[in-house]
C-alpha atoms as a PDB file:
ATOM      1  CA  MET A   1       0.000   0.000   0.000  1.00  0.00           C
ATOM      2  CA  LYS A   2       1.212   3.474  -0.869  1.00  0.00           C
ATOM      3  CA  ILE A   3       0.657   6.805   0.846  1.00  0.00           C
ATOM      4  CA  GLN A   4      -0.858   8.156  -2.367  1.00  0.00           C
ATOM      5  CA  GLN A   5      -3.528   5.428  -2.276  1.00  0.00           C
ATOM      6  CA  LEU A   6      -4.429   6.311   1.300  1.00  0.00           C
ATOM      7  CA  GLN A   7      -4.596   9.985   0.369  1.00  0.00           C
ATOM      8  CA  MET A   8      -7.023   9.141  -2.423  1.00  0.00           C
ATOM      9  CA  LEU A   9      -9.160   7.083  -0.043  1.00  0.00           C
ATOM     10  CA  ASP A  10      -9.226   9.983   2.418  1.00  0.00           C
ATOM     11  CA  ALA A  11     -10.137  12.452  -0.338  1.00  0.00           C
ATOM     12  CA  LEU A  12     -12.917  10.186  -1.591  1.00  0.00           C
ATOM     13  CA  ALA A  13     -14.406   9.888   1.887  1.00  0.00           C
ATOM     14  CA  ASP A  14     -14.076  13.652   2.380  1.00  0.00           C
ATOM     15  CA  THR A  15     -15.632  14.728  -0.937  1.00  0.00           C
ATOM     16  CA  GLY A  16     -18.033  11.836  -1.498  1.00  0.00           C
ATOM     17  CA  SER A  17     -17.153  11.202  -5.137  1.00  0.00           C
ATOM     18  CA  LEU A  18     -14.333  10.140  -7.443  1.00  0.00           C
ATOM     19  CA  GLN A  19     -14.600  13.447  -9.274  1.00  0.00           C
ATOM     20  CA  GLY A  20     -14.330  15.385  -6.021  1.00  0.00           C
ATOM     21  CA  ALA A  21     -11.312  13.349  -4.891  1.00  0.00           C
ATOM     22  CA  ALA A  22      -9.605  13.828  -8.257  1.00  0.00           C
ATOM     23  CA  SER A  23     -10.205  17.589  -8.117  1.00  0.00           C
ATOM     24  CA  LYS A  24      -8.935  17.860  -4.547  1.00  0.00           C
ATOM     25  CA  LEU A  25      -5.716  15.958  -5.344  1.00  0.00           C
ATOM     26  CA  HIS A  26      -5.247  17.460  -8.833  1.00  0.00           C
ATOM     27  CA  ARG A  27      -5.332  14.023 -10.449  1.00  0.00           C
ATOM     28  CA  THR A  28      -7.461  12.538 -13.190  1.00  0.00           C
ATOM     29  CA  GLN A  29     -10.581  10.647 -12.208  1.00  0.00           C
ATOM     30  CA  ALA A  30      -9.278   7.573 -14.014  1.00  0.00           C
ATOM     31  CA  ALA A  31      -6.026   7.644 -12.025  1.00  0.00           C
ATOM     32  CA  VAL A  32      -7.917   7.876  -8.731  1.00  0.00           C
ATOM     33  CA  SER A  33     -10.288   5.072  -9.711  1.00  0.00           C
ATOM     34  CA  MET A  34      -7.433   2.781 -10.740  1.00  0.00           C
ATOM     35  CA  ALA A  35      -5.424   3.469  -7.562  1.00  0.00           C
ATOM     36  CA  LEU A  36      -8.414   2.785  -5.301  1.00  0.00           C
ATOM     37  CA  LYS A  37      -9.225  -0.412  -7.144  1.00  0.00           C
ATOM     38  CA  LYS A  38      -5.650  -1.600  -6.608  1.00  0.00           C
ATOM     39  CA  LEU A  39      -5.842  -0.593  -2.923  1.00  0.00           C
ATOM     40  CA  GLU A  40      -8.947  -2.721  -2.486  1.00  0.00           C
ATOM     41  CA  GLU A  41      -7.251  -5.671  -4.187  1.00  0.00           C
ATOM     42  CA  GLU A  42      -4.221  -5.348  -1.900  1.00  0.00           C
ATOM     43  CA  ALA A  43      -6.449  -5.100   1.187  1.00  0.00           C
ATOM     44  CA  GLY A  44      -8.161  -8.377   0.281  1.00  0.00           C
ATOM     45  CA  PHE A  45     -11.669  -7.334   1.350  1.00  0.00           C
ATOM     46  CA  PRO A  46     -14.385  -4.972   0.019  1.00  0.00           C
ATOM     47  CA  ILE A  47     -13.590  -1.394   1.015  1.00  0.00           C
ATOM     48  CA  PHE A  48     -16.274   0.225  -1.130  1.00  0.00           C
ATOM     49  CA  ASP A  49     -20.015  -0.291  -1.138  1.00  0.00           C
ATOM     50  CA  ARG A  50     -21.061  -0.209  -4.775  1.00  0.00           C
ATOM     51  CA  ASP A  51     -24.726  -0.973  -4.123  1.00  0.00           C
ATOM     52  CA  THR A  52     -25.553   2.661  -3.336  1.00  0.00           C
ATOM     53  CA  TYR A  53     -25.941   5.616  -5.700  1.00  0.00           C
ATOM     54  CA  ARG A  54     -22.814   7.277  -4.323  1.00  0.00           C
ATOM     55  CA  LEU A  55     -19.617   5.346  -3.824  1.00  0.00           C
ATOM     56  CA  GLY A  56     -19.567   4.701  -0.070  1.00  0.00           C
ATOM     57  CA  LEU A  57     -17.551   2.566   2.312  1.00  0.00           C
ATOM     58  CA  THR A  58     -18.363  -0.805   3.771  1.00  0.00           C
ATOM     59  CA  THR A  59     -18.213  -1.334   7.535  1.00  0.00           C
ATOM     60  CA  ARG A  60     -14.725  -2.794   7.171  1.00  0.00           C
ATOM     61  CA  GLY A  61     -13.900   0.061   4.818  1.00  0.00           C
ATOM     62  CA  GLU A  62     -14.814   2.580   7.511  1.00  0.00           C
ATOM     63  CA  GLN A  63     -12.487   0.831   9.971  1.00  0.00           C
ATOM     64  CA  PHE A  64      -9.750   0.798   7.351  1.00  0.00           C
ATOM     65  CA  LEU A  65     -10.275   4.523   6.673  1.00  0.00           C
ATOM     66  CA  ARG A  66      -9.884   5.430  10.355  1.00  0.00           C
ATOM     67  CA  GLN A  67      -6.521   3.696  10.521  1.00  0.00           C
ATOM     68  CA  ALA A  68      -5.486   5.075   7.127  1.00  0.00           C
ATOM     69  CA  ARG A  69      -6.131   8.618   8.362  1.00  0.00           C
ATOM     70  CA  GLU A  70      -3.964   7.951  11.403  1.00  0.00           C
ATOM     71  CA  VAL A  71      -1.167   6.802   9.074  1.00  0.00           C
ATOM     72  CA  LEU A  72      -1.584   9.988   7.015  1.00  0.00           C
ATOM     73  CA  ARG A  73      -1.417  12.140  10.154  1.00  0.00           C
ATOM     74  CA  GLN A  74       1.773  10.417  11.244  1.00  0.00           C
ATOM     75  CA  GLN A  75       3.250  10.823   7.767  1.00  0.00           C
ATOM     76  CA  GLN A  76       2.447  14.553   7.785  1.00  0.00           C
ATOM     77  CA  ARG A  77       4.008  14.963  11.207  1.00  0.00           C
ATOM     78  CA  LEU A  78       7.116  13.100  10.051  1.00  0.00           C
ATOM     79  CA  GLN A  79       7.426  15.378   7.015  1.00  0.00           C
ATOM     80  CA  SER A  80       7.000  18.424   9.238  1.00  0.00           C
ATOM     81  CA  LEU A  81       9.602  17.165  11.711  1.00  0.00           C
ATOM     82  CA  THR A  82      12.037  16.457   8.872  1.00  0.00           C
ATOM     83  CA  LEU A  83      11.760  20.036   7.641  1.00  0.00           C
ATOM     84  CA  GLN A  84      12.290  21.383  11.162  1.00  0.00           C
ATOM     85  CA  LEU A  85      15.393  19.208  11.677  1.00  0.00           C
ATOM     86  CA  GLN A  86      16.789  20.331   8.338  1.00  0.00           C
ATOM     87  CA  SER A  87      16.317  24.057   8.863  1.00  0.00           C
ATOM     88  CA  GLY A  88      16.391  24.648  12.614  1.00  0.00           C
ATOM     89  CA  ALA A  89      14.250  27.667  13.464  1.00  0.00           C
ATOM     90  CA  GLU A  90      11.484  28.418  10.985  1.00  0.00           C
ATOM     91  CA  PRO A  91      12.393  30.956   8.290  1.00  0.00           C
ATOM     92  CA  GLN A  92       8.802  32.188   8.580  1.00  0.00           C
ATOM     93  CA  LEU A  93       6.092  31.860  11.203  1.00  0.00           C
ATOM     94  CA  ARG A  94       2.624  32.510   9.804  1.00  0.00           C
ATOM     95  CA  ILE A  95       0.089  33.757  12.340  1.00  0.00           C
ATOM     96  CA  ALA A  96      -3.535  34.426  11.433  1.00  0.00           C
ATOM     97  CA  TYR A  97      -5.963  36.205  13.725  1.00  0.00           C
ATOM     98  CA  ASP A  98      -9.663  36.804  13.441  1.00  0.00           C
ATOM     99  CA  HIS A  99     -10.579  40.488  13.317  1.00  0.00           C
ATOM    100  CA  THR A 100     -12.846  39.928  16.316  1.00  0.00           C
ATOM    101  CA  CYS A 101      -9.796  39.149  18.501  1.00  0.00           C
ATOM    102  CA  SER A 102      -7.124  41.680  19.377  1.00  0.00           C
ATOM    103  CA  PRO A 103      -3.704  40.614  18.007  1.00  0.00           C
ATOM    104  CA  SER A 104      -2.152  42.448  20.942  1.00  0.00           C
ATOM    105  CA  LEU A 105      -2.801  39.270  22.936  1.00  0.00           C
ATOM    106  CA  LEU A 106       0.154  37.779  21.033  1.00  0.00           C
ATOM    107  CA  PHE A 107       2.538  40.739  21.147  1.00  0.00           C
ATOM    108  CA  ALA A 108       4.474  39.716  24.260  1.00  0.00           C
ATOM    109  CA  ALA A 109       5.160  36.257  22.836  1.00  0.00           C
ATOM    110  CA  MET A 110       6.074  37.735  19.449  1.00  0.00           C
ATOM    111  CA  ARG A 111       8.663  39.966  21.133  1.00  0.00           C
ATOM    112  CA  GLN A 112      10.214  36.840  22.666  1.00  0.00           C
ATOM    113  CA  VAL A 113      10.444  35.323  19.184  1.00  0.00           C
ATOM    114  CA  GLN A 114      12.160  38.483  17.911  1.00  0.00           C
ATOM    115  CA  GLN A 115      14.751  38.194  20.672  1.00  0.00           C
ATOM    116  CA  SER A 116      15.300  34.417  20.568  1.00  0.00           C
ATOM    117  CA  TYR A 117      14.935  33.787  16.816  1.00  0.00           C
ATOM    118  CA  PRO A 118      15.790  37.033  15.005  1.00  0.00           C
ATOM    119  CA  ALA A 119      16.084  35.229  11.650  1.00  0.00           C
ATOM    120  CA  THR A 120      12.448  34.068  11.807  1.00  0.00           C
ATOM    121  CA  GLU A 121      10.161  36.371   9.848  1.00  0.00           C
ATOM    122  CA  LEU A 122       6.775  36.878  11.485  1.00  0.00           C
ATOM    123  CA  LEU A 123       3.820  37.084   9.095  1.00  0.00           C
ATOM    124  CA  LEU A 124       0.669  38.392  10.803  1.00  0.00           C
ATOM    125  CA  SER A 125      -2.587  38.273   8.838  1.00  0.00           C
ATOM    126  CA  GLY A 126      -6.021  39.502   9.863  1.00  0.00           C
ATOM    127  CA  GLU A 127      -8.989  37.484   8.616  1.00  0.00           C
ATOM    128  CA  SER A 128     -12.760  37.859   8.662  1.00  0.00           C
ATOM    129  CA  GLN A 129     -15.510  35.320   9.353  1.00  0.00           C
ATOM    130  CA  LEU A 130     -13.196  32.818  11.079  1.00  0.00           C
ATOM    131  CA  LYS A 131     -11.143  32.203   7.941  1.00  0.00           C
ATOM    132  CA  SER A 132      -8.087  32.135  10.218  1.00  0.00           C
ATOM    133  CA  LEU A 133      -9.194  28.698  11.372  1.00  0.00           C
ATOM    134  CA  ARG A 134      -9.447  27.572   7.760  1.00  0.00           C
ATOM    135  CA  SER A 135      -5.921  28.870   7.189  1.00  0.00           C
ATOM    136  CA  VAL A 136      -4.565  26.574   9.896  1.00  0.00           C
ATOM    137  CA  SER A 137      -6.579  23.648   8.569  1.00  0.00           C
ATOM    138  CA  ASN A 138      -5.299  23.995   4.994  1.00  0.00           C
ATOM    139  CA  GLY A 139      -1.704  24.712   5.981  1.00  0.00           C
ATOM    140  CA  HIS A 140      -1.650  28.414   5.077  1.00  0.00           C
ATOM    141  CA  ALA A 141      -1.044  29.459   8.699  1.00  0.00           C
ATOM    142  CA  ASP A 142       0.911  27.903  11.558  1.00  0.00           C
ATOM    143  CA  LEU A 143      -1.113  29.470  14.366  1.00  0.00           C
ATOM    144  CA  ALA A 144      -4.482  31.166  14.618  1.00  0.00           C
ATOM    145  CA  LEU A 145      -6.056  33.386  17.246  1.00  0.00           C
ATOM    146  CA  CYS A 146      -9.814  33.128  16.944  1.00  0.00           C
ATOM    147  CA  PRO A 147     -13.143  32.573  18.682  1.00  0.00           C
ATOM    148  CA  TRP A 148     -13.605  28.910  19.480  1.00  0.00           C
ATOM    149  CA  LEU A 149     -16.404  26.403  19.916  1.00  0.00           C
ATOM    150  CA  PRO A 150     -15.883  22.617  20.218  1.00  0.00           C
ATOM    151  CA  ILE A 151     -17.943  22.107  17.044  1.00  0.00           C
ATOM    152  CA  PHE A 152     -15.091  23.663  15.061  1.00  0.00           C
ATOM    153  CA  ARG A 153     -13.160  20.387  15.406  1.00  0.00           C
ATOM    154  CA  GLN A 154     -15.166  19.056  12.480  1.00  0.00           C
ATOM    155  CA  TYR A 155     -13.109  21.338  10.244  1.00  0.00           C
ATOM    156  CA  GLY A 156      -9.708  19.925  11.170  1.00  0.00           C
ATOM    157  CA  ASP A 157      -7.550  18.028  13.634  1.00  0.00           C
ATOM    158  CA  PHE A 158      -6.726  20.941  15.947  1.00  0.00           C
ATOM    159  CA  GLU A 159      -4.867  21.502  19.183  1.00  0.00           C
ATOM    160  CA  THR A 160      -6.040  24.560  21.084  1.00  0.00           C
ATOM    161  CA  ARG A 161      -5.228  26.582  24.171  1.00  0.00           C
ATOM    162  CA  LEU A 162      -7.591  28.889  25.951  1.00  0.00           C
ATOM    163  CA  VAL A 163      -6.445  32.509  25.847  1.00  0.00           C
ATOM    164  CA  ARG A 164      -9.379  34.258  27.493  1.00  0.00           C
ATOM    165  CA  PRO A 165     -13.195  34.549  27.365  1.00  0.00           C
ATOM    166  CA  PHE A 166     -14.678  36.066  24.216  1.00  0.00           C
ATOM    167  CA  GLU A 167     -16.916  39.010  25.093  1.00  0.00           C
ATOM    168  CA  LEU A 168     -19.899  40.054  22.989  1.00  0.00           C
ATOM    169  CA  LEU A 169     -21.420  43.484  23.654  1.00  0.00           C
ATOM    170  CA  VAL A 170     -24.610  45.112  22.403  1.00  0.00           C
ATOM    171  CA  VAL A 171     -23.700  48.675  21.429  1.00  0.00           C
ATOM    172  CA  ILE A 172     -25.175  51.780  19.840  1.00  0.00           C
ATOM    173  CA  ALA A 173     -23.906  55.271  18.971  1.00  0.00           C
ATOM    174  CA  PRO A 174     -25.047  58.155  21.226  1.00  0.00           C
ATOM    175  CA  GLU A 175     -26.390  60.069  18.212  1.00  0.00           C
ATOM    176  CA  LEU A 176     -28.696  57.162  17.331  1.00  0.00           C
ATOM    177  CA  VAL A 177     -29.877  57.029  20.961  1.00  0.00           C
ATOM    178  CA  GLU A 178     -30.663  60.734  20.708  1.00  0.00           C
ATOM    179  CA  ARG A 179     -32.558  60.312  17.433  1.00  0.00           C
ATOM    180  CA  TYR A 180     -34.458  57.365  18.894  1.00  0.00           C
ATOM    181  CA  GLY A 181     -35.409  59.319  21.995  1.00  0.00           C
ATOM    182  CA  GLY A 182     -33.645  57.261  24.638  1.00  0.00           C
ATOM    183  CA  MET A 183     -31.601  54.168  25.356  1.00  0.00           C
ATOM    184  CA  PRO A 184     -33.427  50.887  24.630  1.00  0.00           C
ATOM    185  CA  THR A 185     -33.963  48.917  27.808  1.00  0.00           C
ATOM    186  CA  GLN A 186     -36.204  46.128  26.514  1.00  0.00           C
ATOM    187  CA  ARG A 187     -35.620  43.585  23.772  1.00  0.00           C
ATOM    188  CA  HIS A 188     -38.719  44.603  21.788  1.00  0.00           C
ATOM    189  CA  GLU A 189     -37.520  48.235  21.654  1.00  0.00           C
ATOM    190  CA  LEU A 190     -34.643  47.161  19.414  1.00  0.00           C
ATOM    191  CA  LEU A 191     -37.081  46.117  16.695  1.00  0.00           C
ATOM    192  CA  ASP A 192     -37.701  49.754  15.739  1.00  0.00           C
ATOM    193  CA  LEU A 193     -33.999  50.427  15.130  1.00  0.00           C
ATOM    194  CA  PRO A 194     -31.767  49.391  12.215  1.00  0.00           C
ATOM    195  CA  MET A 195     -29.569  46.406  13.077  1.00  0.00           C
ATOM    196  CA  LEU A 196     -25.991  45.891  11.893  1.00  0.00           C
ATOM    197  CA  ILE A 197     -25.328  42.172  11.593  1.00  0.00           C
ATOM    198  CA  PRO A 198     -22.473  40.096  10.158  1.00  0.00           C
ATOM    199  CA  GLN A 199     -23.166  37.861   7.205  1.00  0.00           C
ATOM    200  CA  ASP A 200     -23.222  34.133   7.982  1.00  0.00           C
ATOM    201  CA  GLN A 201     -19.821  32.990   9.193  1.00  0.00           C
ATOM    202  CA  ASP A 202     -17.624  30.934   6.889  1.00  0.00           C
ATOM    203  CA  ILE A 203     -17.753  27.901   9.164  1.00  0.00           C
ATOM    204  CA  GLY A 204     -21.366  27.901  10.122  1.00  0.00           C
ATOM    205  CA  ILE A 205     -22.121  30.496  12.836  1.00  0.00           C
ATOM    206  CA  ASN A 206     -25.569  31.975  12.180  1.00  0.00           C
ATOM    207  CA  LEU A 207     -26.138  34.988  14.414  1.00  0.00           C
ATOM    208  CA  ASP A 208     -29.800  35.167  13.370  1.00  0.00           C
ATOM    209  CA  ARG A 209     -30.460  31.811  14.983  1.00  0.00           C
ATOM    210  CA  MET A 210     -28.518  32.771  18.100  1.00  0.00           C
ATOM    211  CA  ILE A 211     -30.406  36.000  18.861  1.00  0.00           C
ATOM    212  CA  ARG A 212     -33.735  35.443  17.041  1.00  0.00           C
ATOM    213  CA  MET A 213     -34.392  39.108  16.271  1.00  0.00           C
ATOM    214  CA  PRO A 214     -36.734  39.748  13.306  1.00  0.00           C
ATOM    215  CA  GLY A 215     -35.674  43.382  12.977  1.00  0.00           C
ATOM    216  CA  GLN A 216     -37.420  45.477  10.335  1.00  0.00           C
ATOM    217  CA  GLN A 217     -34.270  46.970   8.801  1.00  0.00           C
ATOM    218  CA  ARG A 218     -30.835  45.375   8.553  1.00  0.00           C
ATOM    219  CA  ILE A 219     -27.429  46.107   7.140  1.00  0.00           C
ATOM    220  CA  ARG A 220     -25.322  42.976   6.658  1.00  0.00           C
ATOM    221  CA  VAL A 221     -21.545  43.217   6.482  1.00  0.00           C
ATOM    222  CA  ASN A 222     -18.897  40.588   5.807  1.00  0.00           C
ATOM    223  CA  ASP A 223     -16.428  41.661   8.478  1.00  0.00           C
ATOM    224  CA  SER A 224     -16.484  43.056  12.005  1.00  0.00           C
ATOM    225  CA  ILE A 225     -14.246  46.043  11.186  1.00  0.00           C
ATOM    226  CA  THR A 226     -16.886  47.399   8.792  1.00  0.00           C
ATOM    227  CA  GLN A 227     -19.576  46.651  11.357  1.00  0.00           C
ATOM    228  CA  ARG A 228     -17.719  48.765  13.932  1.00  0.00           C
ATOM    229  CA  GLU A 229     -17.362  51.697  11.511  1.00  0.00           C
ATOM    230  CA  LEU A 230     -21.083  51.594  10.753  1.00  0.00           C
ATOM    231  CA  LEU A 231     -21.827  51.494  14.480  1.00  0.00           C
ATOM    232  CA  LEU A 232     -19.645  54.554  15.041  1.00  0.00           C
ATOM    233  CA  ALA A 233     -21.463  56.327  12.205  1.00  0.00           C
ATOM    234  CA  GLY A 234     -24.804  55.765  13.949  1.00  0.00           C
ATOM    235  CA  MET A 235     -26.161  53.527  11.202  1.00  0.00           C
ATOM    236  CA  GLY A 236     -27.713  51.056  13.644  1.00  0.00           C
ATOM    237  CA  TRP A 237     -27.175  48.966  16.763  1.00  0.00           C
ATOM    238  CA  GLY A 238     -25.259  45.717  16.784  1.00  0.00           C
ATOM    239  CA  ILE A 239     -23.628  42.881  18.690  1.00  0.00           C
ATOM    240  CA  CYS A 240     -19.879  43.306  18.466  1.00  0.00           C
ATOM    241  CA  PRO A 241     -16.803  41.704  20.081  1.00  0.00           C
ATOM    242  CA  GLY A 242     -15.481  43.619  23.062  1.00  0.00           C
ATOM    243  CA  ASP A 243     -11.970  43.778  21.589  1.00  0.00           C
ATOM    244  CA  LEU A 244     -13.325  45.939  18.758  1.00  0.00           C
ATOM    245  CA  VAL A 245     -15.506  48.346  20.709  1.00  0.00           C
ATOM    246  CA  ASN A 246     -14.160  48.649  24.269  1.00  0.00           C
ATOM    247  CA  ASP A 247     -12.002  51.646  23.327  1.00  0.00           C
ATOM    248  CA  ALA A 248     -14.957  53.375  21.646  1.00  0.00           C
ATOM    249  CA  ILE A 249     -17.100  52.750  24.737  1.00  0.00           C
ATOM    250  CA  ALA A 250     -14.355  54.154  26.969  1.00  0.00           C
ATOM    251  CA  ARG A 251     -14.206  57.434  25.022  1.00  0.00           C
ATOM    252  CA  GLY A 252     -17.984  57.707  24.698  1.00  0.00           C
ATOM    253  CA  ALA A 253     -18.193  57.087  20.957  1.00  0.00           C
ATOM    254  CA  LEU A 254     -20.400  54.056  21.598  1.00  0.00           C
ATOM    255  CA  ARG A 255     -22.712  53.130  24.450  1.00  0.00           C
ATOM    256  CA  GLN A 256     -23.452  49.647  25.706  1.00  0.00           C
ATOM    257  CA  ILE A 257     -27.057  48.453  25.672  1.00  0.00           C
ATOM    258  CA  GLU A 258     -27.720  46.329  28.719  1.00  0.00           C
ATOM    259  CA  ILE A 259     -30.832  44.177  28.422  1.00  0.00           C
ATOM    260  CA  PRO A 260     -30.913  41.316  30.976  1.00  0.00           C
ATOM    261  CA  GLY A 261     -30.875  37.874  29.360  1.00  0.00           C
ATOM    262  CA  PHE A 262     -30.503  39.131  25.785  1.00  0.00           C
ATOM    263  CA  ILE A 263     -27.230  37.440  24.795  1.00  0.00           C
ATOM    264  CA  ASN A 264     -26.394  35.648  28.024  1.00  0.00           C
ATOM    265  CA  GLU A 265     -26.665  32.306  26.224  1.00  0.00           C
ATOM    266  CA  VAL A 266     -23.740  33.110  23.884  1.00  0.00           C
ATOM    267  CA  HIS A 267     -20.573  31.651  25.415  1.00  0.00           C
ATOM    268  CA  LEU A 268     -17.434  31.738  23.293  1.00  0.00           C
ATOM    269  CA  GLU A 269     -13.724  31.769  24.087  1.00  0.00           C
ATOM    270  CA  VAL A 270     -10.620  33.089  22.370  1.00  0.00           C
ATOM    271  CA  HIS A 271      -8.229  30.233  21.649  1.00  0.00           C
ATOM    272  CA  LEU A 272      -4.803  29.846  20.129  1.00  0.00           C
ATOM    273  CA  VAL A 273      -5.106  27.082  17.546  1.00  0.00           C
ATOM    274  CA  ARG A 274      -2.640  24.933  15.632  1.00  0.00           C
ATOM    275  CA  SER A 275      -2.819  21.775  13.534  1.00  0.00           C
ATOM    276  CA  ALA A 276      -2.192  18.460  15.254  1.00  0.00           C
ATOM    277  CA  ASP A 277      -0.841  17.150  11.941  1.00  0.00           C
ATOM    278  CA  ARG A 278       2.253  19.369  11.878  1.00  0.00           C
ATOM    279  CA  ILE A 279       5.248  19.632  14.196  1.00  0.00           C
ATOM    280  CA  ALA A 280       5.785  23.159  15.493  1.00  0.00           C
ATOM    281  CA  GLY A 281       9.186  24.744  15.042  1.00  0.00           C
ATOM    282  CA  PRO A 282      10.952  26.461  17.942  1.00  0.00           C
ATOM    283  CA  ALA A 283       9.484  29.903  17.217  1.00  0.00           C
ATOM    284  CA  GLY A 284       5.971  28.537  16.964  1.00  0.00           C
ATOM    285  CA  GLN A 285       6.506  26.439  20.075  1.00  0.00           C
ATOM    286  CA  LEU A 286       7.682  29.536  21.960  1.00  0.00           C
ATOM    287  CA  ILE A 287       4.408  31.346  21.233  1.00  0.00           C
ATOM    288  CA  TRP A 288       2.424  28.211  22.053  1.00  0.00           C
ATOM    289  CA  GLY A 289       4.299  27.854  25.334  1.00  0.00           C
ATOM    290  CA  ALA A 290       3.492  31.444  26.266  1.00  0.00           C
ATOM    291  CA  PHE A 291      -0.032  30.239  26.965  1.00  0.00           C
ATOM    292  CA  ALA A 292       1.039  27.220  29.015  1.00  0.00           C
ATOM    293  CA  HIS A 293      -0.914  28.625  31.962  1.00  0.00           C
ATOM    294  CA  SER A 294      -4.050  27.892  29.943  1.00  0.00           C
ATOM    295  CA  PRO A 295      -5.391  24.330  29.770  1.00  0.00           C
ATOM    296  CA  ASP A 296      -4.193  22.346  26.744  1.00  0.00           C
ATOM    297  CA  LEU A 297      -7.383  21.269  24.985  1.00  0.00           C
ATOM    298  CA  SER A 298      -5.814  19.227  22.220  1.00  0.00           C
END
C-alpha cells in the first residue's frame, strides 16, 4: 500500500465522489479510480459499497479509513519534523488572527520570538468570518487566534489553548440614541432600530439563529471592522466583540445596551489554535508555550 492510495481514499471519503477526490488531489478521475481499485485488491476485502448511488464505504472500509487517516497524520508529522530538523528555526512563522480578537494578545510572545529567533520572519494576517481557522486547517497558517467552539473540530484536527473569554457586547452610537429618543432597555424596543449584523460565518455560525431578532431593517456586512465603523457612524445597533468596541465605549463614541438575558446564552472563548498534523518549530513552540498557563485542549 502506498501513501498516495491512502490519500485518495481519504479524499474520496471527504468529498463523497471520485470526481471530487480527483479535483482535490489534482489528479485525473481515471487515475484515482485505478489506484483505489488496486488498494482494495491489496487489502483483500471490500472497502467500497457499490450498491448505493454514491460510492460509499463498507463497515470494514470505515475501519480501514480510520486507521489510514492515522497513518496519514503520522506521515504529515514526520514530514514536518524532517523540515524542522533540516532548517532549525522556521524561516517564517505565519500567524492568522480573526478580526474579532485583538492581536495584541500575542505581542508579548512575538517579542520573545524576535529576541530568541531574530532570523524568523513573522507574518501576521487579519482574517474575517473565522477564515483564520481555515488557514490553519489547509496549511496556510501555523497558528491562529480566533473565537472557538468545540464544534469547530469538524473542520480539522486541531490543538487549542484557551487565551481568554470572548466578550460580545450590544452597542449603539449616542447620536442614534438621541434620534431614537432614549436608550433601549427592553428587547422589543430594538425592533424599531436598524440592526448591523455580520453575514453568515464561513464555518457555520448563524447569528440570526442565536439571537432570534426579526428586525425590520438590517445592514449585513462581511467583516467586524466594517460593522464597527457603521456602528460609530450611527447607522444602527449591533452585537460586536469587546476587543473591537471597548475603546470606543471608553471614550464615549459608543454606548453599551444592557438588556438582561438578551445574549447571556452566547458563550465563546478566544483560543490559540494549531494543527495536530504538523510539528511546530521552535518559534511557533515559543508562542504556544506562552499560553502554558491555559489548559491544553488538544
